[in-house]
Amino acid sequence: MYRGANDPYVTGWNNWPCKQDLYRVKFAVDEMLKNTSTFTGEEEWLEEHDKQQVWKALNEVRNVQK
């Protein structure tokens, strides 16, 4: 799905259905997560993931500015 959504050799006509499939998976996972319990350490784990994402974004911006 990911590869199909990003394949530069096909048109958006073909890429868009692949991206829709990715959204369907995301929506299904979001719904499943919403219906599960919260566990000890989960908030800290999610905060650490968020921090890693911020650092990744900052490094990408820094690399673009070089």
PDB file of N, CA and C in Angstrom:
ATOM      1  N   MET A   1       0.816  -1.191   0.000  1.00  0.00           N
ATOM      2  CA  MET A   1       0.000   0.000   0.000  1.00  0.00           C
ATOM      3  C   MET A   1       0.860   1.255   0.000  1.00  0.00           C
ATOM      4  N   TYR A   2       1.853   1.285   0.898  1.00  0.00           N
ATOM      5  CA  TYR A   2       2.705   2.475   0.984  1.00  0.00           C
ATOM      6  C   TYR A   2       3.440   2.710  -0.329  1.00  0.00           C
ATOM      7  N   ARG A   3       3.987   1.636  -0.867  1.00  0.00           N
ATOM      8  CA  ARG A   3       4.730   1.762  -2.118  1.00  0.00           C
ATOM      9  C   ARG A   3       3.813   2.232  -3.252  1.00  0.00           C
ATOM     10  N   GLY A   4       2.619   1.678  -3.295  1.00  0.00           N
ATOM     11  CA  GLY A   4       1.676   2.081  -4.324  1.00  0.00           C
ATOM     12  C   GLY A   4       1.250   3.528  -4.197  1.00  0.00           C
ATOM     13  N   ALA A   5       1.155   4.005  -2.963  1.00  0.00           N
ATOM     14  CA  ALA A   5       0.743   5.392  -2.730  1.00  0.00           C
ATOM     15  C   ALA A   5       1.848   6.374  -3.108  1.00  0.00           C
ATOM     16  N   ASN A   6       3.093   5.905  -3.163  1.00  0.00           N
ATOM     17  CA  ASN A   6       4.227   6.787  -3.433  1.00  0.00           C
ATOM     18  C   ASN A   6       4.952   6.491  -4.734  1.00  0.00           C
ATOM     19  N   ASP A   7       4.452   5.598  -5.522  1.00  0.00           N
ATOM     20  CA  ASP A   7       5.127   5.207  -6.754  1.00  0.00           C
ATOM     21  C   ASP A   7       5.124   6.370  -7.747  1.00  0.00           C
ATOM     22  N   PRO A   8       6.293   6.901  -8.080  1.00  0.00           N
ATOM     23  CA  PRO A   8       6.349   8.051  -8.981  1.00  0.00           C
ATOM     24  C   PRO A   8       6.086   7.684 -10.449  1.00  0.00           C
ATOM     25  N   TYR A   9       6.018   6.389 -10.733  1.00  0.00           N
ATOM     26  CA  TYR A   9       5.842   5.962 -12.127  1.00  0.00           C
ATOM     27  C   TYR A   9       4.383   5.735 -12.509  1.00  0.00           C
ATOM     28  N   VAL A  10       3.483   5.981 -11.570  1.00  0.00           N
ATOM     29  CA  VAL A  10       2.057   5.872 -11.888  1.00  0.00           C
ATOM     30  C   VAL A  10       1.382   7.189 -11.548  1.00  0.00           C
ATOM     31  N   THR A  11       0.162   7.345 -12.003  1.00  0.00           N
ATOM     32  CA  THR A  11      -0.549   8.605 -11.812  1.00  0.00           C
ATOM     33  C   THR A  11      -1.295   8.612 -10.491  1.00  0.00           C
ATOM     34  N   GLY A  12      -1.752   9.773 -10.103  1.00  0.00           N
ATOM     35  CA  GLY A  12      -2.567   9.909  -8.906  1.00  0.00           C
ATOM     36  C   GLY A  12      -3.821   9.061  -8.969  1.00  0.00           C
ATOM     37  N   TRP A  13      -4.263   8.791 -10.180  1.00  0.00           N
ATOM     38  CA  TRP A  13      -5.440   7.926 -10.359  1.00  0.00           C
ATOM     39  C   TRP A  13      -5.194   6.573  -9.705  1.00  0.00           C
ATOM     40  N   ASN A  14      -3.945   6.087  -9.761  1.00  0.00           N
ATOM     41  CA  ASN A  14      -3.585   4.808  -9.152  1.00  0.00           C
ATOM     42  C   ASN A  14      -3.043   4.966  -7.736  1.00  0.00           C
ATOM     43  N   ASN A  15      -2.385   6.096  -7.439  1.00  0.00           N
ATOM     44  CA  ASN A  15      -1.818   6.322  -6.108  1.00  0.00           C
ATOM     45  C   ASN A  15      -2.891   6.549  -5.052  1.00  0.00           C
ATOM     46  N   TRP A  16      -3.918   7.285  -5.407  1.00  0.00           N
ATOM     47  CA  TRP A  16      -4.933   7.671  -4.437  1.00  0.00           C
ATOM     48  C   TRP A  16      -5.643   6.468  -3.816  1.00  0.00           C
ATOM     49  N   PRO A  17      -6.051   5.448  -4.544  1.00  0.00           N
ATOM     50  CA  PRO A  17      -6.672   4.282  -3.902  1.00  0.00           C
ATOM     51  C   PRO A  17      -5.737   3.588  -2.905  1.00  0.00           C
ATOM     52  N   CYS A  18      -4.450   3.583  -3.202  1.00  0.00           N
ATOM     53  CA  CYS A  18      -3.491   2.990  -2.256  1.00  0.00           C
ATOM     54  C   CYS A  18      -3.424   3.813  -0.978  1.00  0.00           C
ATOM     55  N   LYS A  19      -3.438   5.137  -1.133  1.00  0.00           N
ATOM     56  CA  LYS A  19      -3.421   5.988   0.055  1.00  0.00           C
ATOM     57  C   LYS A  19      -4.722   5.842   0.838  1.00  0.00           C
ATOM     58  N   GLN A  20      -5.824   5.673   0.145  1.00  0.00           N
ATOM     59  CA  GLN A  20      -7.093   5.430   0.835  1.00  0.00           C
ATOM     60  C   GLN A  20      -7.011   4.163   1.686  1.00  0.00           C
ATOM     61  N   ASP A  21      -6.369   3.126   1.160  1.00  0.00           N
ATOM     62  CA  ASP A  21      -6.189   1.894   1.934  1.00  0.00           C
ATOM     63  C   ASP A  21      -5.377   2.152   3.196  1.00  0.00           C
ATOM     64  N   LEU A  22      -4.337   2.975   3.074  1.00  0.00           N
ATOM     65  CA  LEU A  22      -3.545   3.325   4.257  1.00  0.00           C
ATOM     66  C   LEU A  22      -4.408   4.042   5.294  1.00  0.00           C
ATOM     67  N   TYR A  23      -5.249   4.960   4.837  1.00  0.00           N
ATOM     68  CA  TYR A  23      -6.163   5.652   5.755  1.00  0.00           C
ATOM     69  C   TYR A  23      -7.115   4.659   6.421  1.00  0.00           C
ATOM     70  N   ARG A  24      -7.625   3.707   5.667  1.00  0.00           N
ATOM     71  CA  ARG A  24      -8.544   2.721   6.245  1.00  0.00           C
ATOM     72  C   ARG A  24      -7.865   1.919   7.355  1.00  0.00           C
ATOM     73  N   VAL A  25      -6.608   1.554   7.132  1.00  0.00           N
ATOM     74  CA  VAL A  25      -5.854   0.842   8.170  1.00  0.00           C
ATOM     75  C   VAL A  25      -5.670   1.748   9.389  1.00  0.00           C
ATOM     76  N   LYS A  26      -5.295   3.009   9.144  1.00  0.00           N
ATOM     77  CA  LYS A  26      -5.101   3.959  10.245  1.00  0.00           C
ATOM     78  C   LYS A  26      -6.380   4.126  11.050  1.00  0.00           C
ATOM     79  N   PHE A  27      -7.500   4.305  10.374  1.00  0.00           N
ATOM     80  CA  PHE A  27      -8.765   4.490  11.075  1.00  0.00           C
ATOM     81  C   PHE A  27      -9.124   3.256  11.900  1.00  0.00           C
ATOM     82  N   ALA A  28      -8.873   2.068  11.345  1.00  0.00           N
ATOM     83  CA  ALA A  28      -9.169   0.831  12.066  1.00  0.00           C
ATOM     84  C   ALA A  28      -8.289   0.705  13.305  1.00  0.00           C
ATOM     85  N   VAL A  29      -7.012   1.010  13.168  1.00  0.00           N
ATOM     86  CA  VAL A  29      -6.099   0.936  14.317  1.00  0.00           C
ATOM     87  C   VAL A  29      -6.470   1.983  15.356  1.00  0.00           C
ATOM     88  N   ASP A  30      -6.778   3.205  14.926  1.00  0.00           N
ATOM     89  CA  ASP A  30      -7.206   4.247  15.875  1.00  0.00           C
ATOM     90  C   ASP A  30      -8.424   3.789  16.675  1.00  0.00           C
ATOM     91  N   GLU A  31      -9.373   3.175  16.014  1.00  0.00           N
ATOM     92  CA  GLU A  31     -10.582   2.688  16.690  1.00  0.00           C
ATOM     93  C   GLU A  31     -10.235   1.581  17.691  1.00  0.00           C
ATOM     94  N   MET A  32      -9.354   0.668  17.300  1.00  0.00           N
ATOM     95  CA  MET A  32      -8.953  -0.406  18.208  1.00  0.00           C
ATOM     96  C   MET A  32      -8.228   0.148  19.429  1.00  0.00           C
ATOM     97  N   LEU A  33      -7.338   1.115  19.222  1.00  0.00           N
ATOM     98  CA  LEU A  33      -6.606   1.707  20.343  1.00  0.00           C
ATOM     99  C   LEU A  33      -7.548   2.442  21.287  1.00  0.00           C
ATOM    100  N   LYS A  34      -8.547   3.089  20.710  1.00  0.00           N
ATOM    101  CA  LYS A  34      -9.516   3.825  21.529  1.00  0.00           C
ATOM    102  C   LYS A  34     -10.263   2.879  22.470  1.00  0.00           C
ATOM    103  N   ASN A  35     -10.433   1.634  22.057  1.00  0.00           N
ATOM    104  CA  ASN A  35     -11.206   0.670  22.826  1.00  0.00           C
ATOM    105  C   ASN A  35     -10.354  -0.246  23.699  1.00  0.00           C
ATOM    106  N   THR A  36      -9.081   0.101  23.892  1.00  0.00           N
ATOM    107  CA  THR A  36      -8.229  -0.699  24.772  1.00  0.00           C
ATOM    108  C   THR A  36      -7.960   0.058  26.063  1.00  0.00           C
ATOM    109  N   SER A  37      -7.513  -0.670  27.052  1.00  0.00           N
ATOM    110  CA  SER A  37      -7.176  -0.076  28.355  1.00  0.00           C
ATOM    111  C   SER A  37      -5.900   0.744  28.238  1.00  0.00           C
ATOM    112  N   THR A  38      -5.694   1.598  29.234  1.00  0.00           N
ATOM    113  CA  THR A  38      -4.444   2.341  29.361  1.00  0.00           C
ATOM    114  C   THR A  38      -3.568   1.589  30.351  1.00  0.00           C
ATOM    115  N   PHE A  39      -2.307   1.428  30.028  1.00  0.00           N
ATOM    116  CA  PHE A  39      -1.413   0.627  30.846  1.00  0.00           C
ATOM    117  C   PHE A  39      -0.356   1.480  31.517  1.00  0.00           C
ATOM    118  N   THR A  40       0.215   0.965  32.580  1.00  0.00           N
ATOM    119  CA  THR A  40       1.283   1.641  33.302  1.00  0.00           C
ATOM    120  C   THR A  40       2.449   1.873  32.352  1.00  0.00           C
ATOM    121  N   GLY A  41       2.939   3.094  32.344  1.00  0.00           N
ATOM    122  CA  GLY A  41       4.066   3.449  31.491  1.00  0.00           C
ATOM    123  C   GLY A  41       3.677   3.850  30.083  1.00  0.00           C
ATOM    124  N   GLU A  42       2.415   3.714  29.752  1.00  0.00           N
ATOM    125  CA  GLU A  42       1.979   4.021  28.388  1.00  0.00           C
ATOM    126  C   GLU A  42       2.153   5.499  28.049  1.00  0.00           C
ATOM    127  N   GLU A  43       1.741   6.380  28.975  1.00  0.00           N
ATOM    128  CA  GLU A  43       1.854   7.824  28.709  1.00  0.00           C
ATOM    129  C   GLU A  43       3.308   8.232  28.506  1.00  0.00           C
ATOM    130  N   GLU A  44       4.196   7.695  29.349  1.00  0.00           N
ATOM    131  CA  GLU A  44       5.613   8.019  29.225  1.00  0.00           C
ATOM    132  C   GLU A  44       6.163   7.524  27.891  1.00  0.00           C
ATOM    133  N   TRP A  45       5.750   6.334  27.490  1.00  0.00           N
ATOM    134  CA  TRP A  45       6.208   5.757  26.235  1.00  0.00           C
ATOM    135  C   TRP A  45       5.749   6.619  25.057  1.00  0.00           C
ATOM    136  N   LEU A  46       4.483   7.058  25.119  1.00  0.00           N
ATOM    137  CA  LEU A  46       3.954   7.907  24.046  1.00  0.00           C
ATOM    138  C   LEU A  46       4.649   9.269  24.028  1.00  0.00           C
ATOM    139  N   GLU A  47       4.931   9.822  25.209  1.00  0.00           N
ATOM    140  CA  GLU A  47       5.648  11.102  25.275  1.00  0.00           C
ATOM    141  C   GLU A  47       7.043  10.966  24.672  1.00  0.00           C
ATOM    142  N   GLU A  48       7.726   9.852  24.955  1.00  0.00           N
ATOM    143  CA  GLU A  48       9.057   9.623  24.397  1.00  0.00           C
ATOM    144  C   GLU A  48       8.980   9.519  22.870  1.00  0.00           C
ATOM    145  N   HIS A  49       7.965   8.850  22.381  1.00  0.00           N
ATOM    146  CA  HIS A  49       7.776   8.753  20.926  1.00  0.00           C
ATOM    147  C   HIS A  49       7.544  10.138  20.324  1.00  0.00           C
ATOM    148  N   ASP A  50       6.714  10.941  20.981  1.00  0.00           N
ATOM    149  CA  ASP A  50       6.452  12.303  20.487  1.00  0.00           C
ATOM    150  C   ASP A  50       7.735  13.126  20.451  1.00  0.00           C
ATOM    151  N   LYS A  51       8.562  12.998  21.493  1.00  0.00           N
ATOM    152  CA  LYS A  51       9.833  13.729  21.524  1.00  0.00           C
ATOM    153  C   LYS A  51      10.721  13.300  20.366  1.00  0.00           C
ATOM    154  N   GLN A  52      10.781  12.004  20.109  1.00  0.00           N
ATOM    155  CA  GLN A  52      11.594  11.508  18.998  1.00  0.00           C
ATOM    156  C   GLN A  52      11.099  12.065  17.667  1.00  0.00           C
ATOM    157  N   GLN A  53       9.788  12.174  17.517  1.00  0.00           N
ATOM    158  CA  GLN A  53       9.223  12.721  16.282  1.00  0.00           C
ATOM    159  C   GLN A  53       9.578  14.194  16.125  1.00  0.00           C
ATOM    160  N   VAL A  54       9.560  14.940  17.233  1.00  0.00           N
ATOM    161  CA  VAL A  54       9.919  16.360  17.181  1.00  0.00           C
ATOM    162  C   VAL A  54      11.383  16.507  16.791  1.00  0.00           C
ATOM    163  N   TRP A  55      12.265  15.723  17.422  1.00  0.00           N
ATOM    164  CA  TRP A  55      13.685  15.786  17.081  1.00  0.00           C
ATOM    165  C   TRP A  55      13.922  15.419  15.613  1.00  0.00           C
ATOM    166  N   LYS A  56      13.207  14.426  15.142  1.00  0.00           N
ATOM    167  CA  LYS A  56      13.332  14.018  13.741  1.00  0.00           C
ATOM    168  C   LYS A  56      12.943  15.173  12.815  1.00  0.00           C
ATOM    169  N   ALA A  57      11.824  15.832  13.121  1.00  0.00           N
ATOM    170  CA  ALA A  57      11.359  16.956  12.312  1.00  0.00           C
ATOM    171  C   ALA A  57      12.358  18.110  12.358  1.00  0.00           C
ATOM    172  N   LEU A  58      12.896  18.401  13.542  1.00  0.00           N
ATOM    173  CA  LEU A  58      13.872  19.483  13.663  1.00  0.00           C
ATOM    174  C   LEU A  58      15.138  19.178  12.880  1.00  0.00           C
ATOM    175  N   ASN A  59      15.590  17.937  12.929  1.00  0.00           N
ATOM    176  CA  ASN A  59      16.785  17.556  12.166  1.00  0.00           C
ATOM    177  C   ASN A  59      16.538  17.656  10.670  1.00  0.00           C
ATOM    178  N   GLU A  60      15.341  17.313  10.228  1.00  0.00           N
ATOM    179  CA  GLU A  60      15.016  17.432   8.801  1.00  0.00           C
ATOM    180  C   GLU A  60      15.030  18.888   8.365  1.00  0.00           C
ATOM    181  N   VAL A  61      14.486  19.767   9.202  1.00  0.00           N
ATOM    182  CA  VAL A  61      14.484  21.199   8.885  1.00  0.00           C
ATOM    183  C   VAL A  61      15.914  21.710   8.836  1.00  0.00           C
ATOM    184  N   ARG A  62      16.726  21.290   9.801  1.00  0.00           N
ATOM    185  CA  ARG A  62      18.122  21.723   9.844  1.00  0.00           C
ATOM    186  C   ARG A  62      18.872  21.254   8.603  1.00  0.00           C
ATOM    187  N   ASN A  63      18.622  20.021   8.183  1.00  0.00           N
ATOM    188  CA  ASN A  63      19.306  19.481   7.003  1.00  0.00           C
ATOM    189  C   ASN A  63      18.877  20.195   5.727  1.00  0.00           C
ATOM    190  N   VAL A  64      17.645  20.659   5.666  1.00  0.00           N
ATOM    191  CA  VAL A  64      17.155  21.379   4.491  1.00  0.00           C
ATOM    192  C   VAL A  64      17.807  22.761   4.422  1.00  0.00           C
ATOM    193  N   GLN A  65      18.031  23.356   5.580  1.00  0.00           N
ATOM    194  CA  GLN A  65      18.612  24.713   5.628  1.00  0.00           C
ATOM    195  C   GLN A  65      20.087  24.735   5.262  1.00  0.00           C
ATOM    196  N   LYS A  66      20.769  23.603   5.318  1.00  0.00           N
ATOM    197  CA  LYS A  66      22.203  23.571   5.001  1.00  0.00           C
ATOM    198  C   LYS A  66      22.469  23.808   3.542  1.00  0.00           C
TER     199      LYS A  66
END
